[in-house]
N, C-alpha and C. Protein backbone atom coordinates (compact mmCIF):
# COMPACT_ATOMS: atom_id res chain seq x y z
N UNK A 1 0.92 -1.21 -0.20
CA UNK A 1 -0.01 0.13 0.03
C UNK A 1 0.83 1.02 -0.04
N UNK A 2 0.48 2.39 -0.60
CA UNK A 2 0.91 3.50 -0.87
C UNK A 2 0.02 4.64 -1.28
N UNK A 3 0.78 5.78 -0.30
CA UNK A 3 0.01 7.12 -0.12
C UNK A 3 -0.16 7.52 -2.02
N UNK A 4 -1.58 8.32 -2.40
CA UNK A 4 -0.96 8.54 -3.68
C UNK A 4 -1.93 10.01 -3.53
N UNK A 5 -1.18 10.70 -4.60
CA UNK A 5 -1.62 11.97 -4.80
C UNK A 5 -2.89 12.09 -5.36
N UNK A 6 -4.09 12.65 -4.78
CA UNK A 6 -5.37 12.93 -5.38
C UNK A 6 -5.14 13.26 -6.75
N UNK A 7 -4.64 14.43 -6.87
CA UNK A 7 -4.81 15.55 -7.98
C UNK A 7 -4.19 14.99 -9.16
N UNK A 8 -2.69 14.25 -8.74
CA UNK A 8 -2.22 13.19 -9.58
C UNK A 8 -3.04 12.31 -10.55
N UNK A 9 -3.73 11.76 -9.40
CA UNK A 9 -4.56 10.45 -9.97
C UNK A 9 -5.73 10.91 -10.76
N UNK A 10 -6.00 12.03 -10.34
CA UNK A 10 -7.46 12.57 -11.15
C UNK A 10 -6.70 12.95 -12.84
N UNK A 11 -5.45 13.21 -12.53
CA UNK A 11 -5.06 13.98 -13.90
C UNK A 11 -4.83 12.83 -14.93
N UNK A 12 -3.86 11.56 -14.28
CA UNK A 12 -3.77 10.75 -14.69
C UNK A 12 -5.06 9.94 -15.33
N UNK A 13 -6.14 9.82 -14.71
CA UNK A 13 -7.19 9.56 -15.14
C UNK A 13 -7.48 9.86 -16.33
N UNK A 14 -7.59 11.25 -16.42
CA UNK A 14 -7.82 11.83 -17.48
C UNK A 14 -7.05 11.88 -19.05
N UNK A 15 -5.62 11.77 -18.83
CA UNK A 15 -4.81 11.83 -19.64
C UNK A 15 -5.15 9.94 -20.32
N UNK A 16 -5.03 9.43 -19.47
CA UNK A 16 -4.82 8.01 -20.10
C UNK A 16 -6.81 7.53 -20.49
N UNK A 17 -7.54 8.34 -20.73
CA UNK A 17 -8.91 8.17 -20.89
C UNK A 17 -9.49 6.91 -20.03
N UNK A 18 -9.20 7.46 -18.57
CA UNK A 18 -9.77 5.86 -17.71
C UNK A 18 -9.10 5.12 -17.46
N UNK A 19 -8.03 4.49 -18.23
CA UNK A 19 -7.04 3.48 -17.64
C UNK A 19 -6.59 3.57 -16.29
N UNK A 20 -6.11 4.90 -15.85
CA UNK A 20 -5.52 4.84 -14.74
C UNK A 20 -6.63 4.55 -13.33
N UNK A 21 -7.96 5.18 -14.31
CA UNK A 21 -8.81 5.05 -12.94
C UNK A 21 -9.13 3.56 -12.57
N UNK A 22 -9.19 2.92 -13.88
CA UNK A 22 -9.67 1.12 -13.18
C UNK A 22 -8.36 0.86 -12.65
N UNK A 23 -7.38 1.23 -12.74
CA UNK A 23 -6.25 0.89 -11.77
C UNK A 23 -6.19 1.01 -10.48
N UNK A 24 -6.79 2.82 -10.28
CA UNK A 24 -7.03 3.18 -9.11
C UNK A 24 -8.04 2.65 -8.48
N UNK A 25 -8.98 2.39 -8.87
CA UNK A 25 -10.39 1.51 -8.46
C UNK A 25 -9.68 0.66 -7.49
N UNK A 26 -9.26 -0.39 -8.38
CA UNK A 26 -9.01 -1.57 -7.85
C UNK A 26 -7.85 -1.45 -6.57
N UNK A 27 -6.74 -0.69 -7.05
CA UNK A 27 -5.89 -0.11 -5.61
C UNK A 27 -6.71 0.06 -4.28
N UNK A 28 -7.12 0.79 -4.74
CA UNK A 28 -8.10 1.82 -3.40
C UNK A 28 -8.63 0.85 -2.92
N UNK A 29 -9.67 -0.23 -3.52
CA UNK A 29 -10.63 -0.83 -2.93
C UNK A 29 -9.49 -2.15 -2.02
N UNK A 30 -8.66 -2.83 -2.53
CA UNK A 30 -7.59 -3.68 -1.49
C UNK A 30 -6.94 -2.67 -0.34
N UNK A 31 -6.78 -1.74 -0.62
CA UNK A 31 -5.87 -0.68 0.46
C UNK A 31 -7.04 -0.73 1.76
N UNK A 32 -8.36 -0.10 1.03
CA UNK A 32 -9.50 0.09 2.13
C UNK A 32 -9.64 -1.35 2.64
N UNK A 33 -9.74 -2.57 2.09
CA UNK A 33 -10.35 -3.81 2.55
C UNK A 33 -9.25 -4.16 3.43
N UNK A 34 -7.84 -3.65 3.50
CA UNK A 34 -6.84 -4.14 3.90
C UNK A 34 -6.94 -3.16 5.18
N UNK A 35 -7.44 -1.94 5.55
CA UNK A 35 -6.96 -0.92 6.47
C UNK A 35 -8.40 -0.95 7.29
N UNK A 36 -9.30 -1.50 6.83
CA UNK A 36 -10.61 -1.57 7.57
C UNK A 36 -11.71 -2.98 7.19
N UNK A 37 -10.74 -4.20 8.07
CA UNK A 37 -11.43 -5.17 7.52
C UNK A 37 -12.81 -5.27 8.38
N UNK A 38 -13.18 -4.99 9.03
CA UNK A 38 -14.70 -4.98 9.60
C UNK A 38 -15.46 -4.84 8.47
N UNK A 39 -15.23 -3.93 7.42
CA UNK A 39 -16.68 -3.47 6.43
C UNK A 39 -15.66 -3.69 5.33
N UNK A 40 -14.96 -4.90 4.92
CA UNK A 40 -14.41 -5.36 3.61
C UNK A 40 -15.17 -5.83 2.63
N UNK A 41 -15.03 -5.62 1.58
CA UNK A 41 -15.71 -5.64 0.25
C UNK A 41 -14.94 -6.80 -0.74
N UNK A 42 -15.53 -7.26 -1.83
CA UNK A 42 -14.78 -7.99 -2.16
C UNK A 42 -13.23 -7.33 -2.93
N UNK A 43 -12.53 -8.06 -3.25
CA UNK A 43 -11.36 -7.65 -3.71
C UNK A 43 -11.57 -6.70 -4.72
N UNK A 44 -10.38 -5.74 -5.29
CA UNK A 44 -10.70 -4.65 -6.19
C UNK A 44 -11.21 -4.97 -7.68
N UNK A 45 -10.08 -6.49 -8.34
CA UNK A 45 -10.29 -6.67 -9.28
C UNK A 45 -11.96 -7.04 -9.79
N UNK A 46 -12.44 -7.71 -8.36
CA UNK A 46 -13.86 -8.56 -8.58
C UNK A 46 -14.61 -7.33 -8.31
N UNK A 47 -14.67 -6.70 -7.54
CA UNK A 47 -15.33 -4.82 -7.73
C UNK A 47 -15.26 -4.42 -9.03
N UNK A 48 -14.29 -4.21 -9.55
CA UNK A 48 -14.33 -3.66 -10.84
C UNK A 48 -15.32 -4.36 -11.76
N UNK A 49 -15.12 -5.66 -11.97
CA UNK A 49 -15.85 -6.51 -12.91
C UNK A 49 -17.24 -6.56 -12.42
N UNK A 50 -17.53 -6.35 -11.00
CA UNK A 50 -18.95 -6.53 -10.74
C UNK A 50 -19.79 -4.87 -10.90
N UNK A 51 -19.17 -3.73 -11.12
CA UNK A 51 -19.45 -2.93 -11.21
C UNK A 51 -19.59 -2.55 -12.85
N UNK A 52 -18.75 -3.34 -13.42
CA UNK A 52 -19.37 -3.42 -15.20
C UNK A 52 -20.39 -4.23 -15.66
N UNK A 53 -20.49 -5.41 -14.85
CA UNK A 53 -21.46 -6.36 -15.44
C UNK A 53 -22.73 -6.13 -14.87
N UNK A 54 -22.93 -4.84 -13.72
CA UNK A 54 -24.08 -4.50 -13.15
C UNK A 54 -24.27 -2.83 -13.84
N UNK A 55 -23.59 -2.32 -14.76
CA UNK A 55 -23.93 -1.07 -15.51
C UNK A 55 -23.84 0.09 -14.24
N UNK A 56 -22.81 -0.07 -13.42
CA UNK A 56 -22.35 0.83 -12.74
C UNK A 56 -23.13 0.91 -11.02
N UNK A 57 -24.15 -0.25 -11.25
CA UNK A 57 -24.90 -0.55 -9.88
C UNK A 57 -24.60 -0.90 -8.88
N UNK A 58 -23.60 -1.75 -8.80
CA UNK A 58 -22.63 -2.12 -7.88
C UNK A 58 -21.78 -1.16 -7.14
N UNK A 59 -21.22 0.13 -7.92
CA UNK A 59 -20.44 1.13 -7.61
C UNK A 59 -21.03 1.81 -6.71
N UNK A 60 -22.58 2.05 -6.83
CA UNK A 60 -22.98 2.84 -5.69
C UNK A 60 -23.21 1.94 -4.21
N UNK A 61 -23.26 0.86 -4.59
CA UNK A 61 -22.88 -0.02 -3.20
C UNK A 61 -21.31 0.10 -2.35
N UNK A 62 -20.71 -0.01 -3.57
CA UNK A 62 -19.30 0.00 -3.50
C UNK A 62 -18.52 1.41 -2.82
N UNK A 63 -19.53 2.44 -3.11
CA UNK A 63 -19.26 3.92 -2.41
C UNK A 63 -19.48 3.85 -1.22
N UNK A 64 -20.75 2.99 -0.97
CA UNK A 64 -21.51 3.38 0.58
C UNK A 64 -20.33 2.65 1.61
N UNK A 65 -20.06 1.30 0.78
CA UNK A 65 -19.25 0.66 1.47
C UNK A 65 -17.84 1.60 1.96
N UNK A 66 -17.40 1.99 1.12
CA UNK A 66 -16.14 2.96 0.99
C UNK A 66 -16.29 4.22 1.94
N UNK A 67 -17.50 4.43 2.29
CA UNK A 67 -17.64 5.54 3.16
C UNK A 67 -17.86 4.84 4.81
N UNK A 68 -18.33 3.60 4.47
CA UNK A 68 -18.37 2.96 6.12
C UNK A 68 -16.67 2.67 6.22
N UNK A 69 -15.81 2.22 5.42
CA UNK A 69 -14.81 1.46 5.38
C UNK A 69 -13.45 3.25 6.02
N UNK A 70 -13.94 4.07 5.52
CA UNK A 70 -13.33 5.62 5.85
C UNK A 70 -13.64 6.05 7.16
N UNK A 71 -14.92 5.58 7.67
CA UNK A 71 -15.33 6.02 9.01
C UNK A 71 -13.93 5.04 9.87
N UNK A 72 -14.17 3.52 9.57
CA UNK A 72 -13.42 2.93 10.47
C UNK A 72 -12.14 3.34 10.50
N UNK A 73 -11.61 3.45 9.29
CA UNK A 73 -10.14 3.79 9.14
C UNK A 73 -9.64 4.98 10.00
N UNK A 74 -10.71 5.87 10.23
CA UNK A 74 -10.29 7.17 10.89
C UNK A 74 -10.91 7.64 12.20
N UNK A 75 -11.46 6.35 12.52
CA UNK A 75 -12.17 6.29 14.11
C UNK A 75 -13.49 7.30 14.11
N UNK A 76 -14.09 7.23 13.16
CA UNK A 76 -15.55 8.30 13.03
C UNK A 76 -16.64 7.49 12.86
N UNK A 77 -17.77 8.21 12.71
CA UNK A 77 -18.83 7.07 12.32
C UNK A 77 -18.80 6.90 10.82
N UNK A 78 -19.86 6.03 10.29
CA UNK A 78 -20.04 5.86 8.81
C UNK A 78 -20.17 6.76 8.26
N UNK A 79 -19.53 7.25 7.05
CA UNK A 79 -19.95 8.42 5.97
C UNK A 79 -20.64 7.32 4.77
N UNK A 80 -21.17 6.43 4.88
CA UNK A 80 -21.55 5.69 3.60
C UNK A 80 -22.88 6.73 2.94
N UNK A 81 -23.64 7.22 3.44
CA UNK A 81 -24.58 7.87 2.80
C UNK A 81 -23.99 9.10 1.90
N UNK A 82 -22.84 9.91 2.70
CA UNK A 82 -22.61 10.72 1.92
C UNK A 82 -21.83 10.58 0.87
N UNK A 83 -21.18 9.33 0.72
CA UNK A 83 -20.41 9.07 -0.17
C UNK A 83 -21.41 8.70 -1.42
N UNK A 84 -22.50 8.14 -1.23
CA UNK A 84 -23.31 7.56 -2.12
C UNK A 84 -24.10 8.88 -2.93
N UNK A 85 -24.31 9.74 -1.92
CA UNK A 85 -25.06 11.19 -2.27
C UNK A 85 -23.71 11.61 -3.38
N UNK A 86 -22.59 11.92 -2.96
CA UNK A 86 -21.68 12.51 -3.98
C UNK A 86 -21.54 11.59 -4.95
N UNK A 87 -21.41 10.19 -5.13
CA UNK A 87 -21.38 9.46 -6.01
C UNK A 87 -22.45 10.04 -7.13
N UNK A 88 -23.86 9.83 -7.00
CA UNK A 88 -24.93 10.30 -7.57
C UNK A 88 -24.39 11.52 -8.26
N UNK A 89 -24.41 12.45 -7.28
CA UNK A 89 -24.00 13.86 -8.12
C UNK A 89 -22.73 14.26 -8.93
N UNK A 90 -21.98 13.46 -9.03
CA UNK A 90 -20.37 13.71 -9.52
C UNK A 90 -20.24 12.26 -10.24
N UNK A 91 -21.08 11.59 -10.42
CA UNK A 91 -20.68 10.29 -11.55
C UNK A 91 -19.76 9.72 -10.64
N UNK A 92 -19.27 9.33 -9.48
CA UNK A 92 -18.26 8.59 -8.85
C UNK A 92 -16.95 9.24 -8.71
N UNK A 93 -16.66 10.73 -9.00
CA UNK A 93 -15.20 11.19 -9.16
C UNK A 93 -14.95 11.40 -7.56
N UNK A 94 -16.03 12.23 -6.68
CA UNK A 94 -15.25 12.75 -5.36
C UNK A 94 -15.39 11.57 -4.66
N UNK A 95 -16.43 10.53 -4.63
CA UNK A 95 -16.03 9.33 -3.55
C UNK A 95 -14.79 8.59 -3.71
N UNK A 96 -14.33 8.42 -5.03
CA UNK A 96 -13.03 7.83 -4.98
C UNK A 96 -11.98 8.75 -4.60
N UNK A 97 -11.95 10.12 -4.62
CA UNK A 97 -10.82 11.22 -4.07
C UNK A 97 -10.83 11.13 -2.92
N UNK A 98 -12.43 11.18 -1.83
CA UNK A 98 -12.37 11.20 -0.82
C UNK A 98 -11.85 9.48 -0.17
N UNK A 99 -12.25 8.45 -0.86
CA UNK A 99 -11.62 7.56 -0.20
C UNK A 99 -9.91 7.34 -0.39
N UNK A 100 -9.37 7.74 -1.49
CA UNK A 100 -8.14 7.82 -1.30
C UNK A 100 -7.47 8.81 -0.51
N UNK A 101 -8.26 9.83 0.07
CA UNK A 101 -7.81 10.67 1.23
C UNK A 101 -7.99 10.08 2.52
N UNK A 102 -8.74 9.48 2.57
CA UNK A 102 -8.89 8.55 3.92
C UNK A 102 -7.88 7.71 3.96
N UNK A 103 -7.64 6.68 3.13
CA UNK A 103 -6.56 6.07 2.66
C UNK A 103 -5.15 6.46 3.50
N UNK A 104 -5.08 7.80 2.57
CA UNK A 104 -3.61 8.15 2.90
C UNK A 104 -3.50 8.69 4.56
N UNK A 105 -4.76 9.64 4.89
CA UNK A 105 -4.78 9.74 6.32
C UNK A 105 -4.66 8.64 7.10
N UNK A 106 -5.23 7.50 6.85
CA UNK A 106 -4.88 6.16 7.83
C UNK A 106 -3.27 5.40 7.56
N UNK A 107 -3.32 5.65 6.68
CA UNK A 107 -1.66 5.23 6.71
C UNK A 107 -0.89 5.83 7.38
N UNK A 108 -1.04 7.34 7.58
CA UNK A 108 -0.46 8.20 8.26
C UNK A 108 -0.33 7.74 9.76
N UNK A 109 -1.53 8.06 10.01
CA UNK A 109 -1.85 7.14 11.42
C UNK A 109 -0.91 6.34 11.97
N UNK A 110 -0.92 5.18 10.89
CA UNK A 110 -0.59 3.84 10.97
C UNK A 110 0.94 3.73 11.21
N UNK A 111 1.19 4.86 10.66
CA UNK A 111 2.98 5.22 10.40
C UNK A 111 3.45 5.87 11.89
N UNK A 112 2.44 6.43 12.68
CA UNK A 112 3.47 6.99 13.67
C UNK A 112 3.17 6.11 14.92
C-alpha cells in the first residue's frame, strides 16, 4: 500500500482516458479492505468487474461501503450515505478522491 496524490491520480485518469482510473479503483479497494477489515468488500478486480457487469449499480454499493471503511479507518462514524450522495451527484469522482484521502490519512496514522 502506498499513498497517492489525489490530484495526480485524477490527472492521470483523464490523460489515459480512464485506464488509470481502473487501476486506481482496484488498488483503492484493496487498500481500504486491508485498512478496514470490518467493512471489507470483495477484492478490487472483482469489484471492478461487478461494477461493469451491473452497469455501475455495484459501484453505488461500493461507494457506500467505502464511506463505511473511511469511517472505520479514521475512527469516525460511517460516511456511507454521504459517499452515495456524492457518487450520484458527481458520477463517482468525488467518492474515490475522498476514499483515497482517507486511506492516505490512515496510512499516516498507522506510521506514527
